[in-house]
Amino acid sequence: MAPPVFVSAVRTAGGKLLGSLAPLRAPELGAVVVRAAIERVEYDPGEVNEVIMGQVIQAGSGQNPARQAALGAGIPPSVGAFTINKVCGSSLKAVVLAAQAIALGDA
C-alpha cells in the first residue's frame, strides 16, 4: 500500500459575505488554487489522475464545480473530477478521500 504524500497545498484567501471575492464563482477560485498547487511543484497537469474538491453552497455554480476548476486549471478533459458537499467538512473530506485513493492504489 502506497502511503499518501502531499507535495503541494494551496488555499484561497479568507473572505467575508459580499466581500472582495464575491464576484468570483467557486470554480474560478478553485481553478486558481489547482493551477497554483500544480505550478509550485512544477508538475505536468496531464499527469493528474483525478481532482477532488470540496464546496459548500453549490447553488449557482453549475454542474460539478471540481470539473470546472480542473478544466480552468489546464487539466485535460480526460481526467475525472468530483465535488464533495459535506458543509463545513467538505474540504477535509476531499483530502481524506484523496489520501484513501492514493493509499489503496486507486490514484
PDB file of N, CA and C in Angstrom:
ATOM      1  N   MET A   1       0.846  -1.175   0.000  1.00  0.00           N
ATOM      2  CA  MET A   1       0.000   0.000   0.000  1.00  0.00           C
ATOM      3  C   MET A   1       0.894   1.241   0.000  1.00  0.00           C
ATOM      4  N   ALA A   2       0.648   2.137  -0.935  1.00  0.00           N
ATOM      5  CA  ALA A   2       1.443   3.365  -1.043  1.00  0.00           C
ATOM      6  C   ALA A   2       0.974   4.389  -0.018  1.00  0.00           C
ATOM      7  N   PRO A   3       1.900   4.932   0.774  1.00  0.00           N
ATOM      8  CA  PRO A   3       1.482   5.970   1.723  1.00  0.00           C
ATOM      9  C   PRO A   3       1.201   7.275   0.977  1.00  0.00           C
ATOM     10  N   PRO A   4       0.104   7.951   1.307  1.00  0.00           N
ATOM     11  CA  PRO A   4      -0.178   9.225   0.645  1.00  0.00           C
ATOM     12  C   PRO A   4       0.826  10.293   1.075  1.00  0.00           C
ATOM     13  N   VAL A   5       1.291  11.058   0.106  1.00  0.00           N
ATOM     14  CA  VAL A   5       2.242  12.138   0.367  1.00  0.00           C
ATOM     15  C   VAL A   5       1.701  13.403  -0.293  1.00  0.00           C
ATOM     16  N   PHE A   6       1.587  14.459   0.475  1.00  0.00           N
ATOM     17  CA  PHE A   6       1.134  15.733  -0.073  1.00  0.00           C
ATOM     18  C   PHE A   6       2.359  16.552  -0.445  1.00  0.00           C
ATOM     19  N   VAL A   7       2.460  16.940  -1.706  1.00  0.00           N
ATOM     20  CA  VAL A   7       3.632  17.681  -2.170  1.00  0.00           C
ATOM     21  C   VAL A   7       3.334  19.161  -2.387  1.00  0.00           C
ATOM     22  N   SER A   8       2.074  19.544  -2.309  1.00  0.00           N
ATOM     23  CA  SER A   8       1.710  20.940  -2.502  1.00  0.00           C
ATOM     24  C   SER A   8       0.354  21.186  -1.854  1.00  0.00           C
ATOM     25  N   ALA A   9       0.205  22.340  -1.268  1.00  0.00           N
ATOM     26  CA  ALA A   9      -1.076  22.718  -0.667  1.00  0.00           C
ATOM     27  C   ALA A   9      -1.288  24.216  -0.868  1.00  0.00           C
ATOM     28  N   VAL A  10      -2.463  24.563  -1.335  1.00  0.00           N
ATOM     29  CA  VAL A  10      -2.798  25.958  -1.611  1.00  0.00           C
ATOM     30  C   VAL A  10      -4.250  26.164  -1.202  1.00  0.00           C
ATOM     31  N   ARG A  11      -4.576  27.344  -0.752  1.00  0.00           N
ATOM     32  CA  ARG A  11      -5.970  27.678  -0.463  1.00  0.00           C
ATOM     33  C   ARG A  11      -6.232  29.119  -0.880  1.00  0.00           C
ATOM     34  N   THR A  12      -7.493  29.449  -0.974  1.00  0.00           N
ATOM     35  CA  THR A  12      -7.850  30.826  -1.297  1.00  0.00           C
ATOM     36  C   THR A  12      -7.712  31.684  -0.050  1.00  0.00           C
ATOM     37  N   ALA A  13      -7.717  32.962  -0.258  1.00  0.00           N
ATOM     38  CA  ALA A  13      -7.731  33.893   0.877  1.00  0.00           C
ATOM     39  C   ALA A  13      -9.075  33.781   1.582  1.00  0.00           C
ATOM     40  N   GLY A  14      -9.081  34.047   2.868  1.00  0.00           N
ATOM     41  CA  GLY A  14     -10.343  34.069   3.602  1.00  0.00           C
ATOM     42  C   GLY A  14     -11.142  35.296   3.195  1.00  0.00           C
ATOM     43  N   GLY A  15     -12.415  35.134   3.028  1.00  0.00           N
ATOM     44  CA  GLY A  15     -13.241  36.258   2.614  1.00  0.00           C
ATOM     45  C   GLY A  15     -14.419  36.434   3.542  1.00  0.00           C
ATOM     46  N   LYS A  16     -15.227  37.424   3.236  1.00  0.00           N
ATOM     47  CA  LYS A  16     -16.443  37.636   4.016  1.00  0.00           C
ATOM     48  C   LYS A  16     -17.618  37.760   3.056  1.00  0.00           C
ATOM     49  N   LEU A  17     -18.800  37.565   3.573  1.00  0.00           N
ATOM     50  CA  LEU A  17     -20.005  37.624   2.770  1.00  0.00           C
ATOM     51  C   LEU A  17     -20.081  38.957   2.028  1.00  0.00           C
ATOM     52  N   LEU A  18     -20.247  38.878   0.715  1.00  0.00           N
ATOM     53  CA  LEU A  18     -20.333  40.034  -0.177  1.00  0.00           C
ATOM     54  C   LEU A  18     -19.060  40.881  -0.171  1.00  0.00           C
ATOM     55  N   GLY A  19     -17.926  40.265   0.156  1.00  0.00           N
ATOM     56  CA  GLY A  19     -16.642  40.959   0.176  1.00  0.00           C
ATOM     57  C   GLY A  19     -15.987  40.981  -1.196  1.00  0.00           C
ATOM     58  N   SER A  20     -14.688  41.183  -1.219  1.00  0.00           N
ATOM     59  CA  SER A  20     -13.949  41.369  -2.473  1.00  0.00           C
ATOM     60  C   SER A  20     -13.937  40.131  -3.370  1.00  0.00           C
ATOM     61  N   LEU A  21     -14.156  38.947  -2.806  1.00  0.00           N
ATOM     62  CA  LEU A  21     -14.165  37.729  -3.620  1.00  0.00           C
ATOM     63  C   LEU A  21     -15.557  37.386  -4.148  1.00  0.00           C
ATOM     64  N   ALA A  22     -16.570  38.124  -3.731  1.00  0.00           N
ATOM     65  CA  ALA A  22     -17.958  37.827  -4.089  1.00  0.00           C
ATOM     66  C   ALA A  22     -18.213  37.740  -5.598  1.00  0.00           C
ATOM     67  N   PRO A  23     -17.565  38.553  -6.435  1.00  0.00           N
ATOM     68  CA  PRO A  23     -17.840  38.450  -7.872  1.00  0.00           C
ATOM     69  C   PRO A  23     -17.325  37.157  -8.512  1.00  0.00           C
ATOM     70  N   LEU A  24     -16.431  36.455  -7.827  1.00  0.00           N
ATOM     71  CA  LEU A  24     -15.856  35.235  -8.389  1.00  0.00           C
ATOM     72  C   LEU A  24     -16.675  34.018  -7.985  1.00  0.00           C
ATOM     73  N   ARG A  25     -16.873  33.115  -8.941  1.00  0.00           N
ATOM     74  CA  ARG A  25     -17.561  31.863  -8.649  1.00  0.00           C
ATOM     75  C   ARG A  25     -16.561  30.868  -8.068  1.00  0.00           C
ATOM     76  N   ALA A  26     -17.049  29.928  -7.283  1.00  0.00           N
ATOM     77  CA  ALA A  26     -16.180  28.934  -6.642  1.00  0.00           C
ATOM     78  C   ALA A  26     -15.321  28.163  -7.652  1.00  0.00           C
ATOM     79  N   PRO A  27     -15.860  27.734  -8.800  1.00  0.00           N
ATOM     80  CA  PRO A  27     -14.997  27.037  -9.756  1.00  0.00           C
ATOM     81  C   PRO A  27     -13.843  27.907 -10.282  1.00  0.00           C
ATOM     82  N   GLU A  28     -14.071  29.216 -10.393  1.00  0.00           N
ATOM     83  CA  GLU A  28     -12.996  30.119 -10.824  1.00  0.00           C
ATOM     84  C   GLU A  28     -11.905  30.192  -9.758  1.00  0.00           C
ATOM     85  N   LEU A  29     -12.303  30.328  -8.504  1.00  0.00           N
ATOM     86  CA  LEU A  29     -11.325  30.330  -7.410  1.00  0.00           C
ATOM     87  C   LEU A  29     -10.623  28.979  -7.332  1.00  0.00           C
ATOM     88  N   GLY A  30     -11.392  27.909  -7.514  1.00  0.00           N
ATOM     89  CA  GLY A  30     -10.810  26.566  -7.497  1.00  0.00           C
ATOM     90  C   GLY A  30      -9.763  26.389  -8.576  1.00  0.00           C
ATOM     91  N   ALA A  31     -10.015  26.918  -9.767  1.00  0.00           N
ATOM     92  CA  ALA A  31      -9.047  26.809 -10.861  1.00  0.00           C
ATOM     93  C   ALA A  31      -7.739  27.507 -10.509  1.00  0.00           C
ATOM     94  N   VAL A  32      -7.832  28.664  -9.870  1.00  0.00           N
ATOM     95  CA  VAL A  32      -6.627  29.394  -9.451  1.00  0.00           C
ATOM     96  C   VAL A  32      -5.827  28.562  -8.457  1.00  0.00           C
ATOM     97  N   VAL A  33      -6.518  27.959  -7.502  1.00  0.00           N
ATOM     98  CA  VAL A  33      -5.851  27.161  -6.471  1.00  0.00           C
ATOM     99  C   VAL A  33      -5.231  25.894  -7.064  1.00  0.00           C
ATOM    100  N   VAL A  34      -5.977  25.193  -7.903  1.00  0.00           N
ATOM    101  CA  VAL A  34      -5.457  23.965  -8.519  1.00  0.00           C
ATOM    102  C   VAL A  34      -4.237  24.286  -9.380  1.00  0.00           C
ATOM    103  N   ARG A  35      -4.333  25.333 -10.191  1.00  0.00           N
ATOM    104  CA  ARG A  35      -3.206  25.729 -11.040  1.00  0.00           C
ATOM    105  C   ARG A  35      -1.983  26.069 -10.190  1.00  0.00           C
ATOM    106  N   ALA A  36      -2.175  26.815  -9.109  1.00  0.00           N
ATOM    107  CA  ALA A  36      -1.059  27.199  -8.238  1.00  0.00           C
ATOM    108  C   ALA A  36      -0.422  25.981  -7.572  1.00  0.00           C
ATOM    109  N   ALA A  37      -1.241  25.037  -7.130  1.00  0.00           N
ATOM    110  CA  ALA A  37      -0.704  23.827  -6.490  1.00  0.00           C
ATOM    111  C   ALA A  37       0.162  23.033  -7.461  1.00  0.00           C
ATOM    112  N   ILE A  38      -0.266  22.964  -8.706  1.00  0.00           N
ATOM    113  CA  ILE A  38       0.493  22.236  -9.730  1.00  0.00           C
ATOM    114  C   ILE A  38       1.773  22.982 -10.081  1.00  0.00           C
ATOM    115  N   GLU A  39       1.685  24.298 -10.240  1.00  0.00           N
ATOM    116  CA  GLU A  39       2.861  25.098 -10.609  1.00  0.00           C
ATOM    117  C   GLU A  39       3.927  25.099  -9.527  1.00  0.00           C
ATOM    118  N   ARG A  40       3.534  25.078  -8.266  1.00  0.00           N
ATOM    119  CA  ARG A  40       4.508  25.109  -7.166  1.00  0.00           C
ATOM    120  C   ARG A  40       5.461  23.918  -7.189  1.00  0.00           C
ATOM    121  N   VAL A  41       4.993  22.802  -7.693  1.00  0.00           N
ATOM    122  CA  VAL A  41       5.843  21.606  -7.732  1.00  0.00           C
ATOM    123  C   VAL A  41       6.267  21.264  -9.165  1.00  0.00           C
ATOM    124  N   GLU A  42       5.988  22.186 -10.094  1.00  0.00           N
ATOM    125  CA  GLU A  42       6.366  22.013 -11.498  1.00  0.00           C
ATOM    126  C   GLU A  42       5.892  20.664 -12.031  1.00  0.00           C
ATOM    127  N   TYR A  43       4.625  20.394 -11.820  1.00  0.00           N
ATOM    128  CA  TYR A  43       4.005  19.130 -12.219  1.00  0.00           C
ATOM    129  C   TYR A  43       3.254  19.332 -13.526  1.00  0.00           C
ATOM    130  N   ASP A  44       3.233  18.320 -14.367  1.00  0.00           N
ATOM    131  CA  ASP A  44       2.512  18.376 -15.634  1.00  0.00           C
ATOM    132  C   ASP A  44       1.022  18.137 -15.364  1.00  0.00           C
ATOM    133  N   PRO A  45       0.154  19.088 -15.696  1.00  0.00           N
ATOM    134  CA  PRO A  45      -1.277  18.892 -15.452  1.00  0.00           C
ATOM    135  C   PRO A  45      -1.827  17.615 -16.098  1.00  0.00           C
ATOM    136  N   GLY A  46      -1.197  17.159 -17.156  1.00  0.00           N
ATOM    137  CA  GLY A  46      -1.624  15.931 -17.818  1.00  0.00           C
ATOM    138  C   GLY A  46      -1.361  14.678 -17.007  1.00  0.00           C
ATOM    139  N   GLU A  47      -0.550  14.791 -15.964  1.00  0.00           N
ATOM    140  CA  GLU A  47      -0.231  13.648 -15.110  1.00  0.00           C
ATOM    141  C   GLU A  47      -1.179  13.517 -13.917  1.00  0.00           C
ATOM    142  N   VAL A  48      -2.084  14.464 -13.753  1.00  0.00           N
ATOM    143  CA  VAL A  48      -3.051  14.404 -12.654  1.00  0.00           C
ATOM    144  C   VAL A  48      -4.013  13.252 -12.921  1.00  0.00           C
ATOM    145  N   ASN A  49      -4.275  12.428 -11.891  1.00  0.00           N
ATOM    146  CA  ASN A  49      -5.174  11.279 -12.036  1.00  0.00           C
ATOM    147  C   ASN A  49      -6.638  11.634 -11.814  1.00  0.00           C
ATOM    148  N   GLU A  50      -6.890  12.535 -10.872  1.00  0.00           N
ATOM    149  CA  GLU A  50      -8.259  12.877 -10.514  1.00  0.00           C
ATOM    150  C   GLU A  50      -8.250  14.167  -9.697  1.00  0.00           C
ATOM    151  N   VAL A  51      -9.338  14.917  -9.772  1.00  0.00           N
ATOM    152  CA  VAL A  51      -9.476  16.136  -8.977  1.00  0.00           C
ATOM    153  C   VAL A  51     -10.664  15.952  -8.037  1.00  0.00           C
ATOM    154  N   ILE A  52     -10.419  16.176  -6.747  1.00  0.00           N
ATOM    155  CA  ILE A  52     -11.460  16.089  -5.725  1.00  0.00           C
ATOM    156  C   ILE A  52     -11.491  17.436  -5.015  1.00  0.00           C
ATOM    157  N   MET A  53     -12.641  18.085  -5.018  1.00  0.00           N
ATOM    158  CA  MET A  53     -12.743  19.426  -4.444  1.00  0.00           C
ATOM    159  C   MET A  53     -13.965  19.508  -3.537  1.00  0.00           C
ATOM    160  N   GLY A  54     -13.817  20.158  -2.405  1.00  0.00           N
ATOM    161  CA  GLY A  54     -14.936  20.390  -1.513  1.00  0.00           C
ATOM    162  C   GLY A  54     -15.525  21.767  -1.751  1.00  0.00           C
ATOM    163  N   GLN A  55     -16.855  21.838  -1.758  1.00  0.00           N
ATOM    164  CA  GLN A  55     -17.525  23.132  -1.891  1.00  0.00           C
ATOM    165  C   GLN A  55     -18.866  23.083  -1.173  1.00  0.00           C
ATOM    166  N   VAL A  56     -19.122  24.089  -0.367  1.00  0.00           N
ATOM    167  CA  VAL A  56     -20.403  24.224   0.324  1.00  0.00           C
ATOM    168  C   VAL A  56     -21.243  25.243  -0.450  1.00  0.00           C
ATOM    169  N   ILE A  57     -22.525  25.110  -0.391  1.00  0.00           N
ATOM    170  CA  ILE A  57     -23.472  26.006  -1.072  1.00  0.00           C
ATOM    171  C   ILE A  57     -23.140  26.066  -2.568  1.00  0.00           C
ATOM    172  N   GLN A  58     -23.445  24.976  -3.242  1.00  0.00           N
ATOM    173  CA  GLN A  58     -23.109  24.852  -4.657  1.00  0.00           C
ATOM    174  C   GLN A  58     -24.121  25.500  -5.594  1.00  0.00           C
ATOM    175  N   ALA A  59     -25.243  25.946  -5.081  1.00  0.00           N
ATOM    176  CA  ALA A  59     -26.264  26.544  -5.937  1.00  0.00           C
ATOM    177  C   ALA A  59     -25.673  27.683  -6.760  1.00  0.00           C
ATOM    178  N   GLY A  60     -25.959  27.666  -8.047  1.00  0.00           N
ATOM    179  CA  GLY A  60     -25.466  28.712  -8.934  1.00  0.00           C
ATOM    180  C   GLY A  60     -24.070  28.466  -9.474  1.00  0.00           C
ATOM    181  N   SER A  61     -23.441  27.373  -9.057  1.00  0.00           N
ATOM    182  CA  SER A  61     -22.077  27.083  -9.520  1.00  0.00           C
ATOM    183  C   SER A  61     -22.054  26.223 -10.774  1.00  0.00           C
ATOM    184  N   GLY A  62     -23.206  25.719 -11.189  1.00  0.00           N
ATOM    185  CA  GLY A  62     -23.246  24.835 -12.341  1.00  0.00           C
ATOM    186  C   GLY A  62     -22.919  23.407 -11.931  1.00  0.00           C
ATOM    187  N   GLN A  63     -22.871  22.530 -12.918  1.00  0.00           N
ATOM    188  CA  GLN A  63     -22.613  21.122 -12.640  1.00  0.00           C
ATOM    189  C   GLN A  63     -21.158  20.874 -12.273  1.00  0.00           C
ATOM    190  N   ASN A  64     -20.940  20.034 -11.290  1.00  0.00           N
ATOM    191  CA  ASN A  64     -19.630  19.560 -10.867  1.00  0.00           C
ATOM    192  C   ASN A  64     -18.557  20.656 -10.847  1.00  0.00           C
ATOM    193  N   PRO A  65     -18.576  21.524  -9.850  1.00  0.00           N
ATOM    194  CA  PRO A  65     -17.588  22.599  -9.757  1.00  0.00           C
ATOM    195  C   PRO A  65     -16.135  22.115  -9.804  1.00  0.00           C
ATOM    196  N   ALA A  66     -15.871  20.915  -9.300  1.00  0.00           N
ATOM    197  CA  ALA A  66     -14.500  20.383  -9.351  1.00  0.00           C
ATOM    198  C   ALA A  66     -14.055  20.186 -10.796  1.00  0.00           C
ATOM    199  N   ARG A  67     -14.958  19.732 -11.629  1.00  0.00           N
ATOM    200  CA  ARG A  67     -14.653  19.535 -13.053  1.00  0.00           C
ATOM    201  C   ARG A  67     -14.359  20.883 -13.716  1.00  0.00           C
ATOM    202  N   GLN A  68     -15.165  21.869 -13.415  1.00  0.00           N
ATOM    203  CA  GLN A  68     -14.948  23.203 -13.971  1.00  0.00           C
ATOM    204  C   GLN A  68     -13.596  23.762 -13.527  1.00  0.00           C
ATOM    205  N   ALA A  69     -13.267  23.581 -12.246  1.00  0.00           N
ATOM    206  CA  ALA A  69     -11.989  24.070 -11.721  1.00  0.00           C
ATOM    207  C   ALA A  69     -10.824  23.353 -12.384  1.00  0.00           C
ATOM    208  N   ALA A  70     -10.953  22.046 -12.560  1.00  0.00           N
ATOM    209  CA  ALA A  70      -9.886  21.267 -13.190  1.00  0.00           C
ATOM    210  C   ALA A  70      -9.629  21.752 -14.615  1.00  0.00           C
ATOM    211  N   LEU A  71     -10.685  21.911 -15.383  1.00  0.00           N
ATOM    212  CA  LEU A  71     -10.529  22.383 -16.762  1.00  0.00           C
ATOM    213  C   LEU A  71      -9.949  23.793 -16.788  1.00  0.00           C
ATOM    214  N   GLY A  72     -10.397  24.646 -15.870  1.00  0.00           N
ATOM    215  CA  GLY A  72      -9.873  26.010 -15.785  1.00  0.00           C
ATOM    216  C   GLY A  72      -8.407  26.063 -15.400  1.00  0.00           C
ATOM    217  N   ALA A  73      -7.934  25.011 -14.734  1.00  0.00           N
ATOM    218  CA  ALA A  73      -6.530  24.940 -14.317  1.00  0.00           C
ATOM    219  C   ALA A  73      -5.648  24.291 -15.376  1.00  0.00           C
ATOM    220  N   GLY A  74      -6.239  23.895 -16.493  1.00  0.00           N
ATOM    221  CA  GLY A  74      -5.446  23.300 -17.564  1.00  0.00           C
ATOM    222  C   GLY A  74      -5.309  21.793 -17.490  1.00  0.00           C
ATOM    223  N   ILE A  75      -6.089  21.155 -16.649  1.00  0.00           N
ATOM    224  CA  ILE A  75      -6.075  19.695 -16.564  1.00  0.00           C
ATOM    225  C   ILE A  75      -6.903  19.157 -17.728  1.00  0.00           C
ATOM    226  N   PRO A  76      -6.411  18.134 -18.418  1.00  0.00           N
ATOM    227  CA  PRO A  76      -7.110  17.628 -19.601  1.00  0.00           C
ATOM    228  C   PRO A  76      -8.529  17.134 -19.301  1.00  0.00           C
ATOM    229  N   PRO A  77      -9.420  17.226 -20.283  1.00  0.00           N
ATOM    230  CA  PRO A  77     -10.795  16.754 -20.108  1.00  0.00           C
ATOM    231  C   PRO A  77     -10.893  15.256 -19.804  1.00  0.00           C
ATOM    232  N   SER A  78      -9.860  14.499 -20.115  1.00  0.00           N
ATOM    233  CA  SER A  78      -9.876  13.055 -19.861  1.00  0.00           C
ATOM    234  C   SER A  78      -9.716  12.706 -18.381  1.00  0.00           C
ATOM    235  N   VAL A  79      -9.342  13.677 -17.553  1.00  0.00           N
ATOM    236  CA  VAL A  79      -9.137  13.453 -16.119  1.00  0.00           C
ATOM    237  C   VAL A  79     -10.462  13.659 -15.382  1.00  0.00           C
ATOM    238  N   GLY A  80     -10.833  12.688 -14.571  1.00  0.00           N
ATOM    239  CA  GLY A  80     -12.076  12.769 -13.814  1.00  0.00           C
ATOM    240  C   GLY A  80     -11.989  13.756 -12.661  1.00  0.00           C
ATOM    241  N   ALA A  81     -13.152  14.220 -12.222  1.00  0.00           N
ATOM    242  CA  ALA A  81     -13.218  15.147 -11.091  1.00  0.00           C
ATOM    243  C   ALA A  81     -14.572  14.990 -10.418  1.00  0.00           C
ATOM    244  N   PHE A  82     -14.592  15.157  -9.100  1.00  0.00           N
ATOM    245  CA  PHE A  82     -15.869  15.174  -8.402  1.00  0.00           C
ATOM    246  C   PHE A  82     -15.826  16.135  -7.231  1.00  0.00           C
ATOM    247  N   THR A  83     -17.014  16.599  -6.850  1.00  0.00           N
ATOM    248  CA  THR A  83     -17.158  17.622  -5.817  1.00  0.00           C
ATOM    249  C   THR A  83     -17.816  17.022  -4.580  1.00  0.00           C
ATOM    250  N   ILE A  84     -17.278  17.363  -3.416  1.00  0.00           N
ATOM    251  CA  ILE A  84     -17.820  16.923  -2.130  1.00  0.00           C
ATOM    252  C   ILE A  84     -18.572  18.095  -1.499  1.00  0.00           C
ATOM    253  N   ASN A  85     -19.773  17.830  -1.005  1.00  0.00           N
ATOM    254  CA  ASN A  85     -20.514  18.848  -0.268  1.00  0.00           C
ATOM    255  C   ASN A  85     -20.920  18.237   1.065  1.00  0.00           C
ATOM    256  N   LYS A  86     -20.104  18.480   2.065  1.00  0.00           N
ATOM    257  CA  LYS A  86     -20.367  17.980   3.419  1.00  0.00           C
ATOM    258  C   LYS A  86     -20.342  19.164   4.386  1.00  0.00           C
ATOM    259  N   VAL A  87     -20.927  20.241   3.964  1.00  0.00           N
ATOM    260  CA  VAL A  87     -20.987  21.502   4.700  1.00  0.00           C
ATOM    261  C   VAL A  87     -19.583  21.856   5.195  1.00  0.00           C
ATOM    262  N   CYS A  88     -19.398  22.100   6.473  1.00  0.00           N
ATOM    263  CA  CYS A  88     -18.101  22.573   6.980  1.00  0.00           C
ATOM    264  C   CYS A  88     -16.970  21.577   6.762  1.00  0.00           C
ATOM    265  N   GLY A  89     -17.296  20.305   6.616  1.00  0.00           N
ATOM    266  CA  GLY A  89     -16.255  19.295   6.454  1.00  0.00           C
ATOM    267  C   GLY A  89     -15.916  18.967   5.010  1.00  0.00           C
ATOM    268  N   SER A  90     -16.383  19.770   4.059  1.00  0.00           N
ATOM    269  CA  SER A  90     -16.210  19.449   2.641  1.00  0.00           C
ATOM    270  C   SER A  90     -14.756  19.314   2.220  1.00  0.00           C
ATOM    271  N   SER A  91     -13.941  20.310   2.509  1.00  0.00           N
ATOM    272  CA  SER A  91     -12.549  20.251   2.048  1.00  0.00           C
ATOM    273  C   SER A  91     -11.769  19.178   2.793  1.00  0.00           C
ATOM    274  N   LEU A  92     -12.039  18.997   4.079  1.00  0.00           N
ATOM    275  CA  LEU A  92     -11.352  17.943   4.829  1.00  0.00           C
ATOM    276  C   LEU A  92     -11.735  16.570   4.285  1.00  0.00           C
ATOM    277  N   LYS A  93     -13.000  16.367   3.955  1.00  0.00           N
ATOM    278  CA  LYS A  93     -13.436  15.095   3.379  1.00  0.00           C
ATOM    279  C   LYS A  93     -12.778  14.871   2.022  1.00  0.00           C
ATOM    280  N   ALA A  94     -12.604  15.918   1.232  1.00  0.00           N
ATOM    281  CA  ALA A  94     -11.920  15.792  -0.055  1.00  0.00           C
ATOM    282  C   ALA A  94     -10.485  15.314   0.146  1.00  0.00           C
ATOM    283  N   VAL A  95      -9.797  15.857   1.137  1.00  0.00           N
ATOM    284  CA  VAL A  95      -8.423  15.438   1.440  1.00  0.00           C
ATOM    285  C   VAL A  95      -8.403  13.980   1.889  1.00  0.00           C
ATOM    286  N   VAL A  96      -9.333  13.597   2.751  1.00  0.00           N
ATOM    287  CA  VAL A  96      -9.399  12.212   3.241  1.00  0.00           C
ATOM    288  C   VAL A  96      -9.648  11.249   2.083  1.00  0.00           C
ATOM    289  N   LEU A  97     -10.586  11.562   1.201  1.00  0.00           N
ATOM    290  CA  LEU A  97     -10.871  10.694   0.062  1.00  0.00           C
ATOM    291  C   LEU A  97      -9.670  10.572  -0.869  1.00  0.00           C
ATOM    292  N   ALA A  98      -8.966  11.676  -1.088  1.00  0.00           N
ATOM    293  CA  ALA A  98      -7.766  11.632  -1.933  1.00  0.00           C
ATOM    294  C   ALA A  98      -6.693  10.759  -1.293  1.00  0.00           C
ATOM    295  N   ALA A  99      -6.474  10.918   0.006  1.00  0.00           N
ATOM    296  CA  ALA A  99      -5.468  10.114   0.710  1.00  0.00           C
ATOM    297  C   ALA A  99      -5.825   8.634   0.656  1.00  0.00           C
ATOM    298  N   GLN A 100      -7.096   8.301   0.835  1.00  0.00           N
ATOM    299  CA  GLN A 100      -7.526   6.907   0.768  1.00  0.00           C
ATOM    300  C   GLN A 100      -7.309   6.326  -0.628  1.00  0.00           C
ATOM    301  N   ALA A 101      -7.630   7.092  -1.660  1.00  0.00           N
ATOM    302  CA  ALA A 101      -7.441   6.617  -3.030  1.00  0.00           C
ATOM    303  C   ALA A 101      -5.972   6.342  -3.317  1.00  0.00           C
ATOM    304  N   ILE A 102      -5.096   7.216  -2.841  1.00  0.00           N
ATOM    305  CA  ILE A 102      -3.653   7.015  -3.034  1.00  0.00           C
ATOM    306  C   ILE A 102      -3.196   5.779  -2.266  1.00  0.00           C
ATOM    307  N   ALA A 103      -3.593   5.678  -0.999  1.00  0.00           N
ATOM    308  CA  ALA A 103      -3.173   4.555  -0.158  1.00  0.00           C
ATOM    309  C   ALA A 103      -3.636   3.214  -0.725  1.00  0.00           C
ATOM    310  N   LEU A 104      -4.813   3.195  -1.335  1.00  0.00           N
ATOM    311  CA  LEU A 104      -5.363   1.952  -1.869  1.00  0.00           C
ATOM    312  C   LEU A 104      -4.944   1.675  -3.311  1.00  0.00           C
ATOM    313  N   GLY A 105      -4.150   2.564  -3.885  1.00  0.00           N
ATOM    314  CA  GLY A 105      -3.689   2.370  -5.256  1.00  0.00           C
ATOM    315  C   GLY A 105      -4.709   2.722  -6.316  1.00  0.00           C
ATOM    316  N   ASP A 106      -5.740   3.463  -5.947  1.00  0.00           N
ATOM    317  CA  ASP A 106      -6.756   3.876  -6.912  1.00  0.00           C
ATOM    318  C   ASP A 106      -6.407   5.180  -7.617  1.00  0.00           C
ATOM    319  N   ALA A 107      -5.330   5.817  -7.209  1.00  0.00           N
ATOM    320  CA  ALA A 107      -4.939   7.092  -7.825  1.00  0.00           C
ATOM    321  C   ALA A 107      -3.447   7.097  -8.066  1.00  0.00           C
TER     322      ALA A 107
END
